[in-house]
């Protein structure tokens, strides 16, 4: 795995059953400030790309697309 830039989240998500902080999701490796805002969400987000579409097709699920907001 290549060395990625450290990201210091502004908020921490906690497991309701413990005091442990959740691990960041795969968005932690993105460069977009918008995507990095969601890197510590307790959602298994995928950035736009083949991996997301392959998983959706394999699991016969729709793709939920977020286009951001301002």
PDB file of N, CA and C in Angstrom:
ATOM      1  N   UNK A   1       0.843  -1.171   0.000  1.00  0.00           N
ATOM      2  CA  UNK A   1       0.000   0.000   0.000  1.00  0.00           C
ATOM      3  C   UNK A   1       0.889   1.235   0.000  1.00  0.00           C
ATOM      4  N   UNK A   2       0.577   2.190  -0.860  1.00  0.00           N
ATOM      5  CA  UNK A   2       1.402   3.380  -0.921  1.00  0.00           C
ATOM      6  C   UNK A   2       1.157   4.288   0.275  1.00  0.00           C
ATOM      7  N   UNK A   3       2.122   5.124   0.566  1.00  0.00           N
ATOM      8  CA  UNK A   3       2.020   6.029   1.695  1.00  0.00           C
ATOM      9  C   UNK A   3       1.035   7.144   1.372  1.00  0.00           C
ATOM     10  N   UNK A   4      -0.002   7.288   2.171  1.00  0.00           N
ATOM     11  CA  UNK A   4      -1.025   8.301   1.957  1.00  0.00           C
ATOM     12  C   UNK A   4      -0.851   9.437   2.953  1.00  0.00           C
ATOM     13  N   UNK A   5      -1.282  10.610   2.571  1.00  0.00           N
ATOM     14  CA  UNK A   5      -1.210  11.762   3.447  1.00  0.00           C
ATOM     15  C   UNK A   5      -2.132  11.580   4.630  1.00  0.00           C
ATOM     16  N   UNK A   6      -1.641  11.926   5.819  1.00  0.00           N
ATOM     17  CA  UNK A   6      -2.450  11.818   7.022  1.00  0.00           C
ATOM     18  C   UNK A   6      -3.578  12.833   6.973  1.00  0.00           C
ATOM     19  N   UNK A   7      -4.771  12.419   7.378  1.00  0.00           N
ATOM     20  CA  UNK A   7      -5.937  13.295   7.412  1.00  0.00           C
ATOM     21  C   UNK A   7      -6.430  13.388   8.842  1.00  0.00           C
ATOM     22  N   UNK A   8      -6.527  14.592   9.367  1.00  0.00           N
ATOM     23  CA  UNK A   8      -7.006  14.820  10.724  1.00  0.00           C
ATOM     24  C   UNK A   8      -8.477  15.205  10.660  1.00  0.00           C
ATOM     25  N   UNK A   9      -9.392  14.284  10.976  1.00  0.00           N
ATOM     26  CA  UNK A   9     -10.811  14.589  10.873  1.00  0.00           C
ATOM     27  C   UNK A   9     -11.235  15.641  11.886  1.00  0.00           C
ATOM     28  N   UNK A  10     -12.223  16.451  11.507  1.00  0.00           N
ATOM     29  CA  UNK A  10     -12.760  17.465  12.399  1.00  0.00           C
ATOM     30  C   UNK A  10     -13.746  16.865  13.394  1.00  0.00           C
ATOM     31  N   UNK A  11     -14.348  15.756  13.051  1.00  0.00           N
ATOM     32  CA  UNK A  11     -15.283  15.081  13.947  1.00  0.00           C
ATOM     33  C   UNK A  11     -14.870  13.631  14.087  1.00  0.00           C
ATOM     34  N   UNK A  12     -15.289  13.009  15.147  1.00  0.00           N
ATOM     35  CA  UNK A  12     -15.005  11.589  15.376  1.00  0.00           C
ATOM     36  C   UNK A  12     -16.339  10.861  15.493  1.00  0.00           C
ATOM     37  N   UNK A  13     -16.418   9.713  14.870  1.00  0.00           N
ATOM     38  CA  UNK A  13     -17.608   8.873  14.986  1.00  0.00           C
ATOM     39  C   UNK A  13     -17.315   7.774  15.983  1.00  0.00           C
ATOM     40  N   UNK A  14     -18.261   7.495  16.831  1.00  0.00           N
ATOM     41  CA  UNK A  14     -18.065   6.487  17.859  1.00  0.00           C
ATOM     42  C   UNK A  14     -19.075   5.368  17.722  1.00  0.00           C
ATOM     43  N   UNK A  15     -18.628   4.179  17.978  1.00  0.00           N
ATOM     44  CA  UNK A  15     -19.503   3.021  18.067  1.00  0.00           C
ATOM     45  C   UNK A  15     -20.382   3.233  19.301  1.00  0.00           C
ATOM     46  N   UNK A  16     -21.700   3.138  19.142  1.00  0.00           N
ATOM     47  CA  UNK A  16     -22.593   3.410  20.269  1.00  0.00           C
ATOM     48  C   UNK A  16     -22.399   2.429  21.415  1.00  0.00           C
ATOM     49  N   UNK A  17     -21.745   1.296  21.150  1.00  0.00           N
ATOM     50  CA  UNK A  17     -21.549   0.285  22.185  1.00  0.00           C
ATOM     51  C   UNK A  17     -20.162   0.326  22.813  1.00  0.00           C
ATOM     52  N   UNK A  18     -19.333   1.274  22.404  1.00  0.00           N
ATOM     53  CA  UNK A  18     -17.988   1.352  22.972  1.00  0.00           C
ATOM     54  C   UNK A  18     -17.464   2.775  22.866  1.00  0.00           C
ATOM     55  N   UNK A  19     -16.294   2.975  23.401  1.00  0.00           N
ATOM     56  CA  UNK A  19     -15.633   4.277  23.306  1.00  0.00           C
ATOM     57  C   UNK A  19     -14.612   4.303  22.169  1.00  0.00           C
ATOM     58  N   UNK A  20     -14.520   3.223  21.394  1.00  0.00           N
ATOM     59  CA  UNK A  20     -13.551   3.159  20.303  1.00  0.00           C
ATOM     60  C   UNK A  20     -14.012   3.992  19.120  1.00  0.00           C
ATOM     61  N   UNK A  21     -13.095   4.719  18.525  1.00  0.00           N
ATOM     62  CA  UNK A  21     -13.393   5.509  17.342  1.00  0.00           C
ATOM     63  C   UNK A  21     -13.428   4.583  16.131  1.00  0.00           C
ATOM     64  N   UNK A  22     -14.399   4.793  15.243  1.00  0.00           N
ATOM     65  CA  UNK A  22     -14.485   3.996  14.019  1.00  0.00           C
ATOM     66  C   UNK A  22     -13.299   4.284  13.117  1.00  0.00           C
ATOM     67  N   UNK A  23     -12.928   3.307  12.336  1.00  0.00           N
ATOM     68  CA  UNK A  23     -11.870   3.488  11.348  1.00  0.00           C
ATOM     69  C   UNK A  23     -12.419   4.327  10.200  1.00  0.00           C
ATOM     70  N   UNK A  24     -11.558   5.112   9.554  1.00  0.00           N
ATOM     71  CA  UNK A  24     -12.007   5.863   8.374  1.00  0.00           C
ATOM     72  C   UNK A  24     -12.400   4.894   7.259  1.00  0.00           C
ATOM     73  N   UNK A  25     -13.295   5.316   6.394  1.00  0.00           N
ATOM     74  CA  UNK A  25     -13.664   4.499   5.238  1.00  0.00           C
ATOM     75  C   UNK A  25     -12.683   4.769   4.095  1.00  0.00           C
ATOM     76  N   UNK A  26     -12.919   4.179   2.940  1.00  0.00           N
ATOM     77  CA  UNK A  26     -11.956   4.283   1.834  1.00  0.00           C
ATOM     78  C   UNK A  26     -11.818   5.694   1.268  1.00  0.00           C
ATOM     79  N   UNK A  27     -12.693   6.623   1.626  1.00  0.00           N
ATOM     80  CA  UNK A  27     -12.567   7.998   1.142  1.00  0.00           C
ATOM     81  C   UNK A  27     -11.376   8.721   1.772  1.00  0.00           C
ATOM     82  N   UNK A  28     -10.800   8.155   2.799  1.00  0.00           N
ATOM     83  CA  UNK A  28      -9.654   8.769   3.472  1.00  0.00           C
ATOM     84  C   UNK A  28      -8.478   8.954   2.513  1.00  0.00           C
ATOM     85  N   UNK A  29      -8.432   8.205   1.421  1.00  0.00           N
ATOM     86  CA  UNK A  29      -7.327   8.269   0.471  1.00  0.00           C
ATOM     87  C   UNK A  29      -7.604   9.189  -0.713  1.00  0.00           C
ATOM     88  N   UNK A  30      -8.736   9.874  -0.702  1.00  0.00           N
ATOM     89  CA  UNK A  30      -9.085  10.774  -1.797  1.00  0.00           C
ATOM     90  C   UNK A  30      -8.470  12.154  -1.586  1.00  0.00           C
ATOM     91  N   UNK A  31      -8.379  12.941  -2.650  1.00  0.00           N
ATOM     92  CA  UNK A  31      -7.818  14.296  -2.573  1.00  0.00           C
ATOM     93  C   UNK A  31      -8.904  15.355  -2.431  1.00  0.00           C
ATOM     94  N   UNK A  32     -10.104  15.039  -2.815  1.00  0.00           N
ATOM     95  CA  UNK A  32     -11.198  16.005  -2.799  1.00  0.00           C
ATOM     96  C   UNK A  32     -11.575  16.398  -1.371  1.00  0.00           C
ATOM     97  N   UNK A  33     -11.612  17.703  -1.067  1.00  0.00           N
ATOM     98  CA  UNK A  33     -12.044  18.136   0.268  1.00  0.00           C
ATOM     99  C   UNK A  33     -13.471  17.661   0.589  1.00  0.00           C
ATOM    100  N   UNK A  34     -14.337  17.620  -0.416  1.00  0.00           N
ATOM    101  CA  UNK A  34     -15.706  17.143  -0.196  1.00  0.00           C
ATOM    102  C   UNK A  34     -15.701  15.683   0.238  1.00  0.00           C
ATOM    103  N   UNK A  35     -14.961  14.844  -0.463  1.00  0.00           N
ATOM    104  CA  UNK A  35     -14.919  13.426  -0.108  1.00  0.00           C
ATOM    105  C   UNK A  35     -14.254  13.220   1.246  1.00  0.00           C
ATOM    106  N   UNK A  36     -13.214  13.982   1.536  1.00  0.00           N
ATOM    107  CA  UNK A  36     -12.534  13.851   2.826  1.00  0.00           C
ATOM    108  C   UNK A  36     -13.447  14.201   3.996  1.00  0.00           C
ATOM    109  N   UNK A  37     -14.435  15.068   3.773  1.00  0.00           N
ATOM    110  CA  UNK A  37     -15.393  15.386   4.840  1.00  0.00           C
ATOM    111  C   UNK A  37     -16.151  14.150   5.293  1.00  0.00           C
ATOM    112  N   UNK A  38     -16.277  13.175   4.396  1.00  0.00           N
ATOM    113  CA  UNK A  38     -17.070  11.980   4.662  1.00  0.00           C
ATOM    114  C   UNK A  38     -16.221  10.748   4.944  1.00  0.00           C
ATOM    115  N   UNK A  39     -14.934  10.937   5.103  1.00  0.00           N
ATOM    116  CA  UNK A  39     -14.018   9.809   5.306  1.00  0.00           C
ATOM    117  C   UNK A  39     -14.195   9.137   6.657  1.00  0.00           C
ATOM    118  N   UNK A  40     -14.814   9.804   7.597  1.00  0.00           N
ATOM    119  CA  UNK A  40     -15.041   9.201   8.907  1.00  0.00           C
ATOM    120  C   UNK A  40     -16.504   8.908   9.179  1.00  0.00           C
ATOM    121  N   UNK A  41     -17.315   8.949   8.137  1.00  0.00           N
ATOM    122  CA  UNK A  41     -18.715   8.555   8.276  1.00  0.00           C
ATOM    123  C   UNK A  41     -18.781   7.050   8.496  1.00  0.00           C
ATOM    124  N   UNK A  42     -19.774   6.597   9.240  1.00  0.00           N
ATOM    125  CA  UNK A  42     -19.919   5.144   9.428  1.00  0.00           C
ATOM    126  C   UNK A  42     -20.628   4.493   8.236  1.00  0.00           C
ATOM    127  N   UNK A  43     -20.310   4.955   7.032  1.00  0.00           N
ATOM    128  CA  UNK A  43     -20.889   4.443   5.796  1.00  0.00           C
ATOM    129  C   UNK A  43     -19.744   3.917   4.947  1.00  0.00           C
ATOM    130  N   UNK A  44     -19.960   2.819   4.276  1.00  0.00           N
ATOM    131  CA  UNK A  44     -18.924   2.221   3.442  1.00  0.00           C
ATOM    132  C   UNK A  44     -18.934   2.876   2.058  1.00  0.00           C
ATOM    133  N   UNK A  45     -18.589   4.181   2.005  1.00  0.00           N
ATOM    134  CA  UNK A  45     -18.603   4.929   0.754  1.00  0.00           C
ATOM    135  C   UNK A  45     -17.502   4.463  -0.187  1.00  0.00           C
ATOM    136  N   UNK A  46     -17.779   4.553  -1.483  1.00  0.00           N
ATOM    137  CA  UNK A  46     -16.786   4.301  -2.521  1.00  0.00           C
ATOM    138  C   UNK A  46     -16.645   5.562  -3.347  1.00  0.00           C
ATOM    139  N   UNK A  47     -15.432   5.936  -3.748  1.00  0.00           N
ATOM    140  CA  UNK A  47     -15.301   7.032  -4.701  1.00  0.00           C
ATOM    141  C   UNK A  47     -15.766   6.553  -6.077  1.00  0.00           C
ATOM    142  N   UNK A  48     -16.072   7.488  -6.953  1.00  0.00           N
ATOM    143  CA  UNK A  48     -16.497   7.157  -8.313  1.00  0.00           C
ATOM    144  C   UNK A  48     -15.428   6.303  -8.968  1.00  0.00           C
ATOM    145  N   UNK A  49     -15.820   5.169  -9.522  1.00  0.00           N
ATOM    146  CA  UNK A  49     -14.844   4.341 -10.215  1.00  0.00           C
ATOM    147  C   UNK A  49     -15.334   2.918 -10.412  1.00  0.00           C
ATOM    148  N   UNK A  50     -14.515   2.142 -11.068  1.00  0.00           N
ATOM    149  CA  UNK A  50     -14.859   0.771 -11.442  1.00  0.00           C
ATOM    150  C   UNK A  50     -15.187  -0.102 -10.234  1.00  0.00           C
ATOM    151  N   UNK A  51     -14.455   0.073  -9.140  1.00  0.00           N
ATOM    152  CA  UNK A  51     -14.688  -0.770  -7.960  1.00  0.00           C
ATOM    153  C   UNK A  51     -16.128  -0.643  -7.450  1.00  0.00           C
ATOM    154  N   UNK A  52     -16.633   0.581  -7.416  1.00  0.00           N
ATOM    155  CA  UNK A  52     -17.999   0.814  -6.937  1.00  0.00           C
ATOM    156  C   UNK A  52     -19.023   0.159  -7.858  1.00  0.00           C
ATOM    157  N   UNK A  53     -18.843   0.321  -9.169  1.00  0.00           N
ATOM    158  CA  UNK A  53     -19.800  -0.236 -10.119  1.00  0.00           C
ATOM    159  C   UNK A  53     -19.726  -1.759 -10.184  1.00  0.00           C
ATOM    160  N   UNK A  54     -18.540  -2.310 -10.043  1.00  0.00           N
ATOM    161  CA  UNK A  54     -18.405  -3.766 -10.031  1.00  0.00           C
ATOM    162  C   UNK A  54     -19.102  -4.361  -8.816  1.00  0.00           C
ATOM    163  N   UNK A  55     -18.953  -3.716  -7.670  1.00  0.00           N
ATOM    164  CA  UNK A  55     -19.613  -4.215  -6.462  1.00  0.00           C
ATOM    165  C   UNK A  55     -21.130  -4.125  -6.608  1.00  0.00           C
ATOM    166  N   UNK A  56     -21.620  -3.014  -7.123  1.00  0.00           N
ATOM    167  CA  UNK A  56     -23.064  -2.850  -7.319  1.00  0.00           C
ATOM    168  C   UNK A  56     -23.609  -3.917  -8.264  1.00  0.00           C
ATOM    169  N   UNK A  57     -22.897  -4.172  -9.322  1.00  0.00           N
ATOM    170  CA  UNK A  57     -23.344  -5.188 -10.278  1.00  0.00           C
ATOM    171  C   UNK A  57     -23.289  -6.583  -9.654  1.00  0.00           C
ATOM    172  N   UNK A  58     -22.218  -6.886  -8.958  1.00  0.00           N
ATOM    173  CA  UNK A  58     -22.052  -8.196  -8.320  1.00  0.00           C
ATOM    174  C   UNK A  58     -23.164  -8.455  -7.302  1.00  0.00           C
ATOM    175  N   UNK A  59     -23.555  -7.408  -6.552  1.00  0.00           N
ATOM    176  CA  UNK A  59     -24.581  -7.556  -5.513  1.00  0.00           C
ATOM    177  C   UNK A  59     -25.980  -7.194  -6.008  1.00  0.00           C
ATOM    178  N   UNK A  60     -26.086  -6.890  -7.305  1.00  0.00           N
ATOM    179  CA  UNK A  60     -27.364  -6.532  -7.922  1.00  0.00           C
ATOM    180  C   UNK A  60     -28.052  -5.407  -7.137  1.00  0.00           C
ATOM    181  N   UNK A  61     -27.290  -4.337  -6.885  1.00  0.00           N
ATOM    182  CA  UNK A  61     -27.788  -3.186  -6.136  1.00  0.00           C
ATOM    183  C   UNK A  61     -27.627  -1.914  -6.956  1.00  0.00           C
ATOM    184  N   UNK A  62     -28.465  -0.943  -6.702  1.00  0.00           N
ATOM    185  CA  UNK A  62     -28.309   0.338  -7.399  1.00  0.00           C
ATOM    186  C   UNK A  62     -27.122   1.118  -6.846  1.00  0.00           C
ATOM    187  N   UNK A  63     -26.664   2.096  -7.589  1.00  0.00           N
ATOM    188  CA  UNK A  63     -25.591   2.982  -7.149  1.00  0.00           C
ATOM    189  C   UNK A  63     -26.246   4.244  -6.600  1.00  0.00           C
ATOM    190  N   UNK A  64     -25.904   4.606  -5.373  1.00  0.00           N
ATOM    191  CA  UNK A  64     -26.365   5.846  -4.774  1.00  0.00           C
ATOM    192  C   UNK A  64     -25.279   6.873  -5.031  1.00  0.00           C
ATOM    193  N   UNK A  65     -25.627   7.914  -5.753  1.00  0.00           N
ATOM    194  CA  UNK A  65     -24.648   8.907  -6.169  1.00  0.00           C
ATOM    195  C   UNK A  65     -24.881  10.220  -5.441  1.00  0.00           C
ATOM    196  N   UNK A  66     -23.839  10.729  -4.808  1.00  0.00           N
ATOM    197  CA  UNK A  66     -23.884  12.042  -4.182  1.00  0.00           C
ATOM    198  C   UNK A  66     -23.071  12.991  -5.034  1.00  0.00           C
ATOM    199  N   UNK A  67     -23.681  14.090  -5.460  1.00  0.00           N
ATOM    200  CA  UNK A  67     -22.978  15.057  -6.305  1.00  0.00           C
ATOM    201  C   UNK A  67     -22.487  16.254  -5.508  1.00  0.00           C
ATOM    202  N   UNK A  68     -22.644  16.188  -4.197  1.00  0.00           N
ATOM    203  CA  UNK A  68     -22.159  17.254  -3.339  1.00  0.00           C
ATOM    204  C   UNK A  68     -23.174  18.370  -3.196  1.00  0.00           C
ATOM    205  N   UNK A  69     -22.759  19.371  -2.496  1.00  0.00           N
ATOM    206  CA  UNK A  69     -23.610  20.526  -2.247  1.00  0.00           C
ATOM    207  C   UNK A  69     -22.738  21.691  -1.842  1.00  0.00           C
ATOM    208  N   UNK A  70     -23.319  22.866  -1.843  1.00  0.00           N
ATOM    209  CA  UNK A  70     -22.548  24.038  -1.395  1.00  0.00           C
ATOM    210  C   UNK A  70     -23.392  24.913  -0.496  1.00  0.00           C
TER     211      UNK A  70
END
